[in-house]
């Protein structure tokens, strides 16, 4: 359950969704938008 929640949060609703995170300086003036995608998950 934790893994699934984490995967959903990373891509915020899937790789093809329009939802993005914000990082770094200058967030208020429009900097820092990034899209995270999950390429693959491996279980050891």
ModelCIF file with pLDDT and N, C-alpha, C, O atoms, coordinates in Angstrom:
data_MODEL
#
_entry.id   MODEL 
#
_entity.id                         1 
_entity.type                       polymer 
_entity.pdbx_number_of_molecules   1 
#
_entity_poly.entity_id                      1 
_entity_poly.type                           'polypeptide(L)' 
_entity_poly.nstd_linkage                   no 
_entity_poly.nstd_monomer                   no 
_entity_poly.pdbx_seq_one_letter_code       
;(UNK)(UNK)(UNK)(UNK)(UNK)(UNK)(UNK)(UNK)(UNK)(UNK)(UNK)(UNK)(UNK)(UNK)(UNK)(UNK)
(UNK)(UNK)(UNK)(UNK)(UNK)(UNK)(UNK)(UNK)(UNK)(UNK)(UNK)(UNK)(UNK)(UNK)(UNK)(UNK)
(UNK)(UNK)(UNK)(UNK)(UNK)(UNK)(UNK)(UNK)(UNK)(UNK)(UNK)(UNK)
;
_entity_poly.pdbx_seq_one_letter_code_can   XXXXXXXXXXXXXXXXXXXXXXXXXXXXXXXXXXXXXXXXXXXX 
_entity_poly.pdbx_strand_id                 A 
#
loop_
_entity_poly_seq.entity_id 
_entity_poly_seq.num 
_entity_poly_seq.mon_id 
_entity_poly_seq.hetero 
1 1  UNK n 
1 2  UNK n 
1 3  UNK n 
1 4  UNK n 
1 5  UNK n 
1 6  UNK n 
1 7  UNK n 
1 8  UNK n 
1 9  UNK n 
1 10 UNK n 
1 11 UNK n 
1 12 UNK n 
1 13 UNK n 
1 14 UNK n 
1 15 UNK n 
1 16 UNK n 
1 17 UNK n 
1 18 UNK n 
1 19 UNK n 
1 20 UNK n 
1 21 UNK n 
1 22 UNK n 
1 23 UNK n 
1 24 UNK n 
1 25 UNK n 
1 26 UNK n 
1 27 UNK n 
1 28 UNK n 
1 29 UNK n 
1 30 UNK n 
1 31 UNK n 
1 32 UNK n 
1 33 UNK n 
1 34 UNK n 
1 35 UNK n 
1 36 UNK n 
1 37 UNK n 
1 38 UNK n 
1 39 UNK n 
1 40 UNK n 
1 41 UNK n 
1 42 UNK n 
1 43 UNK n 
1 44 UNK n 
#
_struct_asym.id          A 
_struct_asym.entity_id   1 
#
loop_
_ma_qa_metric.id 
_ma_qa_metric.mode 
_ma_qa_metric.name 
_ma_qa_metric.software_group_id 
_ma_qa_metric.type 
1 global pLDDT . pLDDT 
2 local  pLDDT . pLDDT 
#
_ma_qa_metric_global.metric_id      1 
_ma_qa_metric_global.metric_value   96.36 
_ma_qa_metric_global.model_id       1 
_ma_qa_metric_global.ordinal_id     1 
#
loop_
_ma_qa_metric_local.label_asym_id 
_ma_qa_metric_local.label_comp_id 
_ma_qa_metric_local.label_seq_id 
_ma_qa_metric_local.metric_id 
_ma_qa_metric_local.metric_value 
_ma_qa_metric_local.model_id 
_ma_qa_metric_local.ordinal_id 
A UNK 1  2 94.00 1 1  
A UNK 2  2 95.00 1 2  
A UNK 3  2 97.00 1 3  
A UNK 4  2 97.00 1 4  
A UNK 5  2 97.00 1 5  
A UNK 6  2 98.00 1 6  
A UNK 7  2 98.00 1 7  
A UNK 8  2 98.00 1 8  
A UNK 9  2 98.00 1 9  
A UNK 10 2 98.00 1 10 
A UNK 11 2 98.00 1 11 
A UNK 12 2 98.00 1 12 
A UNK 13 2 95.00 1 13 
A UNK 14 2 95.00 1 14 
A UNK 15 2 97.00 1 15 
A UNK 16 2 96.00 1 16 
A UNK 17 2 97.00 1 17 
A UNK 18 2 97.00 1 18 
A UNK 19 2 98.00 1 19 
A UNK 20 2 98.00 1 20 
A UNK 21 2 98.00 1 21 
A UNK 22 2 98.00 1 22 
A UNK 23 2 98.00 1 23 
A UNK 24 2 96.00 1 24 
A UNK 25 2 93.00 1 25 
A UNK 26 2 92.00 1 26 
A UNK 27 2 94.00 1 27 
A UNK 28 2 92.00 1 28 
A UNK 29 2 92.00 1 29 
A UNK 30 2 93.00 1 30 
A UNK 31 2 96.00 1 31 
A UNK 32 2 97.00 1 32 
A UNK 33 2 98.00 1 33 
A UNK 34 2 98.00 1 34 
A UNK 35 2 98.00 1 35 
A UNK 36 2 98.00 1 36 
A UNK 37 2 98.00 1 37 
A UNK 38 2 98.00 1 38 
A UNK 39 2 97.00 1 39 
A UNK 40 2 97.00 1 40 
A UNK 41 2 97.00 1 41 
A UNK 42 2 97.00 1 42 
A UNK 43 2 95.00 1 43 
A UNK 44 2 91.00 1 44 
#
loop_
_atom_site.group_PDB 
_atom_site.id 
_atom_site.type_symbol 
_atom_site.label_atom_id 
_atom_site.label_alt_id 
_atom_site.label_comp_id 
_atom_site.label_asym_id 
_atom_site.label_entity_id 
_atom_site.label_seq_id 
_atom_site.pdbx_PDB_ins_code 
_atom_site.Cartn_x 
_atom_site.Cartn_y 
_atom_site.Cartn_z 
_atom_site.occupancy 
_atom_site.B_iso_or_equiv 
_atom_site.pdbx_formal_charge 
_atom_site.auth_seq_id 
_atom_site.auth_comp_id 
_atom_site.auth_asym_id 
_atom_site.auth_atom_id 
_atom_site.pdbx_PDB_model_num 
ATOM 1   N N  . UNK A 1 1  ? 0.834  -1.201 0.000   1.00 94.00 ? 1  UNK A N  1 
ATOM 2   C CA . UNK A 1 1  ? 0.000  0.000  0.000   1.00 94.00 ? 1  UNK A CA 1 
ATOM 3   C C  . UNK A 1 1  ? 0.872  1.255  0.000   1.00 94.00 ? 1  UNK A C  1 
ATOM 4   O O  . UNK A 1 1  ? 0.586  2.210  -0.722  1.00 94.00 ? 1  UNK A O  1 
ATOM 5   N N  . UNK A 1 2  ? 1.937  1.254  0.811   1.00 95.00 ? 2  UNK A N  1 
ATOM 6   C CA . UNK A 1 2  ? 2.840  2.401  0.828   1.00 95.00 ? 2  UNK A CA 1 
ATOM 7   C C  . UNK A 1 2  ? 3.505  2.592  -0.526  1.00 95.00 ? 2  UNK A C  1 
ATOM 8   O O  . UNK A 1 2  ? 3.645  3.725  -0.988  1.00 95.00 ? 2  UNK A O  1 
ATOM 9   N N  . UNK A 1 3  ? 3.913  1.514  -1.163  1.00 97.00 ? 3  UNK A N  1 
ATOM 10  C CA . UNK A 1 3  ? 4.540  1.602  -2.477  1.00 97.00 ? 3  UNK A CA 1 
ATOM 11  C C  . UNK A 1 3  ? 3.579  2.197  -3.506  1.00 97.00 ? 3  UNK A C  1 
ATOM 12  O O  . UNK A 1 3  ? 3.961  3.071  -4.285  1.00 97.00 ? 3  UNK A O  1 
ATOM 13  N N  . UNK A 1 4  ? 2.341  1.728  -3.508  1.00 97.00 ? 4  UNK A N  1 
ATOM 14  C CA . UNK A 1 4  ? 1.360  2.249  -4.466  1.00 97.00 ? 4  UNK A CA 1 
ATOM 15  C C  . UNK A 1 4  ? 1.083  3.728  -4.236  1.00 97.00 ? 4  UNK A C  1 
ATOM 16  O O  . UNK A 1 4  ? 0.988  4.503  -5.187  1.00 97.00 ? 4  UNK A O  1 
ATOM 17  N N  . UNK A 1 5  ? 0.955  4.116  -2.978  1.00 97.00 ? 5  UNK A N  1 
ATOM 18  C CA . UNK A 1 5  ? 0.746  5.537  -2.676  1.00 97.00 ? 5  UNK A CA 1 
ATOM 19  C C  . UNK A 1 5  ? 1.920  6.381  -3.150  1.00 97.00 ? 5  UNK A C  1 
ATOM 20  O O  . UNK A 1 5  ? 1.740  7.468  -3.699  1.00 97.00 ? 5  UNK A O  1 
ATOM 21  N N  . UNK A 1 6  ? 3.123  5.863  -2.929  1.00 98.00 ? 6  UNK A N  1 
ATOM 22  C CA . UNK A 1 6  ? 4.326  6.593  -3.330  1.00 98.00 ? 6  UNK A CA 1 
ATOM 23  C C  . UNK A 1 6  ? 4.380  6.743  -4.849  1.00 98.00 ? 6  UNK A C  1 
ATOM 24  O O  . UNK A 1 6  ? 4.702  7.820  -5.352  1.00 98.00 ? 6  UNK A O  1 
ATOM 25  N N  . UNK A 1 7  ? 4.072  5.681  -5.578  1.00 98.00 ? 7  UNK A N  1 
ATOM 26  C CA . UNK A 1 7  ? 4.086  5.736  -7.036  1.00 98.00 ? 7  UNK A CA 1 
ATOM 27  C C  . UNK A 1 7  ? 3.059  6.737  -7.556  1.00 98.00 ? 7  UNK A C  1 
ATOM 28  O O  . UNK A 1 7  ? 3.344  7.503  -8.476  1.00 98.00 ? 7  UNK A O  1 
ATOM 29  N N  . UNK A 1 8  ? 1.864  6.730  -6.967  1.00 98.00 ? 8  UNK A N  1 
ATOM 30  C CA . UNK A 1 8  ? 0.836  7.684  -7.394  1.00 98.00 ? 8  UNK A CA 1 
ATOM 31  C C  . UNK A 1 8  ? 1.291  9.113  -7.121  1.00 98.00 ? 8  UNK A C  1 
ATOM 32  O O  . UNK A 1 8  ? 1.080  10.008 -7.939  1.00 98.00 ? 8  UNK A O  1 
ATOM 33  N N  . UNK A 1 9  ? 1.921  9.319  -5.960  1.00 98.00 ? 9  UNK A N  1 
ATOM 34  C CA . UNK A 1 9  ? 2.365  10.660 -5.577  1.00 98.00 ? 9  UNK A CA 1 
ATOM 35  C C  . UNK A 1 9  ? 3.505  11.148 -6.456  1.00 98.00 ? 9  UNK A C  1 
ATOM 36  O O  . UNK A 1 9  ? 3.562  12.330 -6.796  1.00 98.00 ? 9  UNK A O  1 
ATOM 37  N N  . UNK A 1 10 ? 4.410  10.259 -6.826  1.00 98.00 ? 10 UNK A N  1 
ATOM 38  C CA . UNK A 1 10 ? 5.537  10.651 -7.680  1.00 98.00 ? 10 UNK A CA 1 
ATOM 39  C C  . UNK A 1 10 ? 5.055  11.189 -9.022  1.00 98.00 ? 10 UNK A C  1 
ATOM 40  O O  . UNK A 1 10 ? 5.485  12.258 -9.454  1.00 98.00 ? 10 UNK A O  1 
ATOM 41  N N  . UNK A 1 11 ? 4.172  10.459 -9.675  1.00 98.00 ? 11 UNK A N  1 
ATOM 42  C CA . UNK A 1 11 ? 3.682  10.878 -10.993 1.00 98.00 ? 11 UNK A CA 1 
ATOM 43  C C  . UNK A 1 11 ? 2.417  11.724 -10.898 1.00 98.00 ? 11 UNK A C  1 
ATOM 44  O O  . UNK A 1 11 ? 1.933  12.240 -11.906 1.00 98.00 ? 11 UNK A O  1 
ATOM 45  N N  . UNK A 1 12 ? 1.891  11.862 -9.704  1.00 98.00 ? 12 UNK A N  1 
ATOM 46  C CA . UNK A 1 12 ? 0.630  12.580 -9.412  1.00 98.00 ? 12 UNK A CA 1 
ATOM 47  C C  . UNK A 1 12 ? -0.450 12.170 -10.408 1.00 98.00 ? 12 UNK A C  1 
ATOM 48  O O  . UNK A 1 12 ? -0.888 12.951 -11.252 1.00 98.00 ? 12 UNK A O  1 
ATOM 49  N N  . UNK A 1 13 ? -0.857 10.918 -10.271 1.00 95.00 ? 13 UNK A N  1 
ATOM 50  C CA . UNK A 1 13 ? -1.971 10.442 -11.086 1.00 95.00 ? 13 UNK A CA 1 
ATOM 51  C C  . UNK A 1 13 ? -1.574 9.809  -12.395 1.00 95.00 ? 13 UNK A C  1 
ATOM 52  O O  . UNK A 1 13 ? -2.418 9.638  -13.274 1.00 95.00 ? 13 UNK A O  1 
ATOM 53  N N  . UNK A 1 14 ? -0.302 9.452  -12.553 1.00 95.00 ? 14 UNK A N  1 
ATOM 54  C CA . UNK A 1 14 ? 0.103  8.731  -13.760 1.00 95.00 ? 14 UNK A CA 1 
ATOM 55  C C  . UNK A 1 14 ? 1.068  9.513  -14.633 1.00 95.00 ? 14 UNK A C  1 
ATOM 56  O O  . UNK A 1 14 ? 1.110  10.743 -14.594 1.00 95.00 ? 14 UNK A O  1 
ATOM 57  N N  . UNK A 1 15 ? 1.845  8.775  -15.426 1.00 97.00 ? 15 UNK A N  1 
ATOM 58  C CA . UNK A 1 15 ? 2.857  9.394  -16.278 1.00 97.00 ? 15 UNK A CA 1 
ATOM 59  C C  . UNK A 1 15 ? 2.277  10.355 -17.306 1.00 97.00 ? 15 UNK A C  1 
ATOM 60  O O  . UNK A 1 15 ? 2.939  11.314 -17.703 1.00 97.00 ? 15 UNK A O  1 
ATOM 61  N N  . UNK A 1 16 ? 1.053  10.109 -17.736 1.00 96.00 ? 16 UNK A N  1 
ATOM 62  C CA . UNK A 1 16 ? 0.463  10.943 -18.780 1.00 96.00 ? 16 UNK A CA 1 
ATOM 63  C C  . UNK A 1 16 ? -0.379 12.079 -18.222 1.00 96.00 ? 16 UNK A C  1 
ATOM 64  O O  . UNK A 1 16 ? -0.961 12.854 -18.981 1.00 96.00 ? 16 UNK A O  1 
ATOM 65  N N  . UNK A 1 17 ? -0.444 12.180 -16.923 1.00 97.00 ? 17 UNK A N  1 
ATOM 66  C CA . UNK A 1 17 ? -1.235 13.268 -16.328 1.00 97.00 ? 17 UNK A CA 1 
ATOM 67  C C  . UNK A 1 17 ? -0.512 14.601 -16.488 1.00 97.00 ? 17 UNK A C  1 
ATOM 68  O O  . UNK A 1 17 ? 0.685  14.635 -16.771 1.00 97.00 ? 17 UNK A O  1 
ATOM 69  N N  . UNK A 1 18 ? -1.242 15.692 -16.307 1.00 97.00 ? 18 UNK A N  1 
ATOM 70  C CA . UNK A 1 18 ? -0.673 17.045 -16.454 1.00 97.00 ? 18 UNK A CA 1 
ATOM 71  C C  . UNK A 1 18 ? -0.218 17.622 -15.118 1.00 97.00 ? 18 UNK A C  1 
ATOM 72  O O  . UNK A 1 18 ? 0.044  18.819 -15.011 1.00 97.00 ? 18 UNK A O  1 
ATOM 73  N N  . UNK A 1 19 ? -0.126 16.773 -14.109 1.00 98.00 ? 19 UNK A N  1 
ATOM 74  C CA . UNK A 1 19 ? 0.211  17.249 -12.775 1.00 98.00 ? 19 UNK A CA 1 
ATOM 75  C C  . UNK A 1 19 ? 1.719  17.218 -12.541 1.00 98.00 ? 19 UNK A C  1 
ATOM 76  O O  . UNK A 1 19 ? 2.395  16.252 -12.896 1.00 98.00 ? 19 UNK A O  1 
ATOM 77  N N  . UNK A 1 20 ? 2.235  18.291 -11.938 1.00 98.00 ? 20 UNK A N  1 
ATOM 78  C CA . UNK A 1 20 ? 3.682  18.472 -11.769 1.00 98.00 ? 20 UNK A CA 1 
ATOM 79  C C  . UNK A 1 20 ? 4.026  18.894 -10.348 1.00 98.00 ? 20 UNK A C  1 
ATOM 80  O O  . UNK A 1 20 ? 3.200  19.432 -9.611  1.00 98.00 ? 20 UNK A O  1 
ATOM 81  N N  . UNK A 1 21 ? 5.280  18.629 -9.994  1.00 98.00 ? 21 UNK A N  1 
ATOM 82  C CA . UNK A 1 21 ? 5.839  19.098 -8.726  1.00 98.00 ? 21 UNK A CA 1 
ATOM 83  C C  . UNK A 1 21 ? 6.558  20.425 -8.949  1.00 98.00 ? 21 UNK A C  1 
ATOM 84  O O  . UNK A 1 21 ? 6.731  20.877 -10.081 1.00 98.00 ? 21 UNK A O  1 
ATOM 85  N N  . UNK A 1 22 ? 6.977  21.045 -7.828  1.00 98.00 ? 22 UNK A N  1 
ATOM 86  C CA . UNK A 1 22 ? 7.776  22.283 -7.881  1.00 98.00 ? 22 UNK A CA 1 
ATOM 87  C C  . UNK A 1 22 ? 9.028  22.096 -7.042  1.00 98.00 ? 22 UNK A C  1 
ATOM 88  O O  . UNK A 1 22 ? 8.969  21.565 -5.933  1.00 98.00 ? 22 UNK A O  1 
ATOM 89  N N  . UNK A 1 23 ? 10.177 22.541 -7.584  1.00 98.00 ? 23 UNK A N  1 
ATOM 90  C CA . UNK A 1 23 ? 11.428 22.452 -6.837  1.00 98.00 ? 23 UNK A CA 1 
ATOM 91  C C  . UNK A 1 23 ? 12.217 23.739 -7.015  1.00 98.00 ? 23 UNK A C  1 
ATOM 92  O O  . UNK A 1 23 ? 11.943 24.528 -7.919  1.00 98.00 ? 23 UNK A O  1 
ATOM 93  N N  . UNK A 1 24 ? 13.207 23.946 -6.138  1.00 96.00 ? 24 UNK A N  1 
ATOM 94  C CA . UNK A 1 24 ? 14.184 25.012 -6.312  1.00 96.00 ? 24 UNK A CA 1 
ATOM 95  C C  . UNK A 1 24 ? 13.696 26.396 -5.940  1.00 96.00 ? 24 UNK A C  1 
ATOM 96  O O  . UNK A 1 24 ? 12.640 26.562 -5.331  1.00 96.00 ? 24 UNK A O  1 
ATOM 97  N N  . UNK A 1 25 ? 14.500 27.400 -6.326  1.00 93.00 ? 25 UNK A N  1 
ATOM 98  C CA . UNK A 1 25 ? 14.198 28.804 -6.060  1.00 93.00 ? 25 UNK A CA 1 
ATOM 99  C C  . UNK A 1 25 ? 13.222 29.350 -7.103  1.00 93.00 ? 25 UNK A C  1 
ATOM 100 O O  . UNK A 1 25 ? 13.050 28.781 -8.182  1.00 93.00 ? 25 UNK A O  1 
ATOM 101 N N  . UNK A 1 26 ? 12.592 30.464 -6.748  1.00 92.00 ? 26 UNK A N  1 
ATOM 102 C CA . UNK A 1 26 ? 11.771 31.195 -7.709  1.00 92.00 ? 26 UNK A CA 1 
ATOM 103 C C  . UNK A 1 26 ? 10.405 30.616 -7.983  1.00 92.00 ? 26 UNK A C  1 
ATOM 104 O O  . UNK A 1 26 ? 9.804  30.929 -9.010  1.00 92.00 ? 26 UNK A O  1 
ATOM 105 N N  . UNK A 1 27 ? 9.890  29.771 -7.088  1.00 94.00 ? 27 UNK A N  1 
ATOM 106 C CA . UNK A 1 27 ? 8.554  29.189 -7.304  1.00 94.00 ? 27 UNK A CA 1 
ATOM 107 C C  . UNK A 1 27 ? 7.482  30.266 -7.493  1.00 94.00 ? 27 UNK A C  1 
ATOM 108 O O  . UNK A 1 27 ? 6.628  30.108 -8.365  1.00 94.00 ? 27 UNK A O  1 
ATOM 109 N N  . UNK A 1 28 ? 7.489  31.356 -6.712  1.00 92.00 ? 28 UNK A N  1 
ATOM 110 C CA . UNK A 1 28 ? 6.420  32.354 -6.867  1.00 92.00 ? 28 UNK A CA 1 
ATOM 111 C C  . UNK A 1 28 ? 6.408  33.039 -8.227  1.00 92.00 ? 28 UNK A C  1 
ATOM 112 O O  . UNK A 1 28 ? 5.358  33.511 -8.663  1.00 92.00 ? 28 UNK A O  1 
ATOM 113 N N  . UNK A 1 29 ? 7.556  33.106 -8.911  1.00 92.00 ? 29 UNK A N  1 
ATOM 114 C CA . UNK A 1 29 ? 7.590  33.817 -10.192 1.00 92.00 ? 29 UNK A CA 1 
ATOM 115 C C  . UNK A 1 29 ? 7.574  32.851 -11.376 1.00 92.00 ? 29 UNK A C  1 
ATOM 116 O O  . UNK A 1 29 ? 7.840  33.255 -12.508 1.00 92.00 ? 29 UNK A O  1 
ATOM 117 N N  . UNK A 1 30 ? 7.265  31.586 -11.125 1.00 93.00 ? 30 UNK A N  1 
ATOM 118 C CA . UNK A 1 30 ? 7.045  30.652 -12.222 1.00 93.00 ? 30 UNK A CA 1 
ATOM 119 C C  . UNK A 1 30 ? 8.147  29.656 -12.471 1.00 93.00 ? 30 UNK A C  1 
ATOM 120 O O  . UNK A 1 30 ? 8.044  28.868 -13.411 1.00 93.00 ? 30 UNK A O  1 
ATOM 121 N N  . UNK A 1 31 ? 9.204  29.652 -11.672 1.00 96.00 ? 31 UNK A N  1 
ATOM 122 C CA . UNK A 1 31 ? 10.272 28.676 -11.869 1.00 96.00 ? 31 UNK A CA 1 
ATOM 123 C C  . UNK A 1 31 ? 9.929  27.365 -11.147 1.00 96.00 ? 31 UNK A C  1 
ATOM 124 O O  . UNK A 1 31 ? 9.066  27.324 -10.270 1.00 96.00 ? 31 UNK A O  1 
ATOM 125 N N  . UNK A 1 32 ? 10.637 26.290 -11.546 1.00 97.00 ? 32 UNK A N  1 
ATOM 126 C CA . UNK A 1 32 ? 10.642 25.077 -10.739 1.00 97.00 ? 32 UNK A CA 1 
ATOM 127 C C  . UNK A 1 32 ? 9.650  23.991 -11.053 1.00 97.00 ? 32 UNK A C  1 
ATOM 128 O O  . UNK A 1 32 ? 9.584  23.016 -10.304 1.00 97.00 ? 32 UNK A O  1 
ATOM 129 N N  . UNK A 1 33 ? 8.858  24.096 -12.130 1.00 98.00 ? 33 UNK A N  1 
ATOM 130 C CA . UNK A 1 33 ? 7.865  23.055 -12.428 1.00 98.00 ? 33 UNK A CA 1 
ATOM 131 C C  . UNK A 1 33 ? 8.529  21.861 -13.117 1.00 98.00 ? 33 UNK A C  1 
ATOM 132 O O  . UNK A 1 33 ? 9.221  22.025 -14.121 1.00 98.00 ? 33 UNK A O  1 
ATOM 133 N N  . UNK A 1 34 ? 8.317  20.668 -12.578 1.00 98.00 ? 34 UNK A N  1 
ATOM 134 C CA . UNK A 1 34 ? 8.901  19.451 -13.148 1.00 98.00 ? 34 UNK A CA 1 
ATOM 135 C C  . UNK A 1 34 ? 7.839  18.354 -13.201 1.00 98.00 ? 34 UNK A C  1 
ATOM 136 O O  . UNK A 1 34 ? 6.949  18.290 -12.354 1.00 98.00 ? 34 UNK A O  1 
ATOM 137 N N  . UNK A 1 35 ? 7.951  17.491 -14.215 1.00 98.00 ? 35 UNK A N  1 
ATOM 138 C CA . UNK A 1 35 ? 7.090  16.316 -14.303 1.00 98.00 ? 35 UNK A CA 1 
ATOM 139 C C  . UNK A 1 35 ? 7.927  15.082 -13.999 1.00 98.00 ? 35 UNK A C  1 
ATOM 140 O O  . UNK A 1 35 ? 8.934  14.832 -14.662 1.00 98.00 ? 35 UNK A O  1 
ATOM 141 N N  . UNK A 1 36 ? 7.517  14.312 -13.002 1.00 98.00 ? 36 UNK A N  1 
ATOM 142 C CA . UNK A 1 36 ? 8.181  13.053 -12.663 1.00 98.00 ? 36 UNK A CA 1 
ATOM 143 C C  . UNK A 1 36 ? 7.396  11.900 -13.274 1.00 98.00 ? 36 UNK A C  1 
ATOM 144 O O  . UNK A 1 36 ? 6.175  11.820 -13.141 1.00 98.00 ? 36 UNK A O  1 
ATOM 145 N N  . UNK A 1 37 ? 8.112  11.019 -13.938 1.00 98.00 ? 37 UNK A N  1 
ATOM 146 C CA . UNK A 1 37 ? 7.492  9.817  -14.515 1.00 98.00 ? 37 UNK A CA 1 
ATOM 147 C C  . UNK A 1 37 ? 8.153  8.570  -13.935 1.00 98.00 ? 37 UNK A C  1 
ATOM 148 O O  . UNK A 1 37 ? 9.339  8.572  -13.607 1.00 98.00 ? 37 UNK A O  1 
ATOM 149 N N  . UNK A 1 38 ? 7.365  7.510  -13.817 1.00 98.00 ? 38 UNK A N  1 
ATOM 150 C CA . UNK A 1 38 ? 7.873  6.211  -13.350 1.00 98.00 ? 38 UNK A CA 1 
ATOM 151 C C  . UNK A 1 38 ? 8.289  5.399  -14.571 1.00 98.00 ? 38 UNK A C  1 
ATOM 152 O O  . UNK A 1 38 ? 7.453  5.067  -15.411 1.00 98.00 ? 38 UNK A O  1 
ATOM 153 N N  . UNK A 1 39 ? 9.566  5.082  -14.673 1.00 97.00 ? 39 UNK A N  1 
ATOM 154 C CA . UNK A 1 39 ? 10.046 4.285  -15.815 1.00 97.00 ? 39 UNK A CA 1 
ATOM 155 C C  . UNK A 1 39 ? 9.863  2.790  -15.564 1.00 97.00 ? 39 UNK A C  1 
ATOM 156 O O  . UNK A 1 39 ? 9.392  2.068  -16.443 1.00 97.00 ? 39 UNK A O  1 
ATOM 157 N N  . UNK A 1 40 ? 10.228 2.326  -14.384 1.00 97.00 ? 40 UNK A N  1 
ATOM 158 C CA . UNK A 1 40 ? 9.964  0.924  -14.037 1.00 97.00 ? 40 UNK A CA 1 
ATOM 159 C C  . UNK A 1 40 ? 10.179 0.728  -12.530 1.00 97.00 ? 40 UNK A C  1 
ATOM 160 O O  . UNK A 1 40 ? 10.852 1.526  -11.877 1.00 97.00 ? 40 UNK A O  1 
ATOM 161 N N  . UNK A 1 41 ? 9.602  -0.336 -12.002 1.00 97.00 ? 41 UNK A N  1 
ATOM 162 C CA . UNK A 1 41 ? 9.722  -0.694 -10.586 1.00 97.00 ? 41 UNK A CA 1 
ATOM 163 C C  . UNK A 1 41 ? 10.250 -2.123 -10.507 1.00 97.00 ? 41 UNK A C  1 
ATOM 164 O O  . UNK A 1 41 ? 9.700  -3.029 -11.133 1.00 97.00 ? 41 UNK A O  1 
ATOM 165 N N  . UNK A 1 42 ? 11.302 -2.317 -9.745  1.00 97.00 ? 42 UNK A N  1 
ATOM 166 C CA . UNK A 1 42 ? 11.822 -3.674 -9.544  1.00 97.00 ? 42 UNK A CA 1 
ATOM 167 C C  . UNK A 1 42 ? 11.756 -4.027 -8.058  1.00 97.00 ? 42 UNK A C  1 
ATOM 168 O O  . UNK A 1 42 ? 12.082 -3.214 -7.194  1.00 97.00 ? 42 UNK A O  1 
ATOM 169 N N  . UNK A 1 43 ? 11.330 -5.246 -7.788  1.00 95.00 ? 43 UNK A N  1 
ATOM 170 C CA . UNK A 1 43 ? 11.236 -5.757 -6.422  1.00 95.00 ? 43 UNK A CA 1 
ATOM 171 C C  . UNK A 1 43 ? 12.372 -6.744 -6.204  1.00 95.00 ? 43 UNK A C  1 
ATOM 172 O O  . UNK A 1 43 ? 12.569 -7.652 -7.012  1.00 95.00 ? 43 UNK A O  1 
ATOM 173 N N  . UNK A 1 44 ? 13.118 -6.575 -5.124  1.00 91.00 ? 44 UNK A N  1 
ATOM 174 C CA . UNK A 1 44 ? 14.213 -7.489 -4.803  1.00 91.00 ? 44 UNK A CA 1 
ATOM 175 C C  . UNK A 1 44 ? 13.723 -8.516 -3.785  1.00 91.00 ? 44 UNK A C  1 
ATOM 176 O O  . UNK A 1 44 ? 14.486 -9.389 -3.371  1.00 91.00 ? 44 UNK A O  1 
#
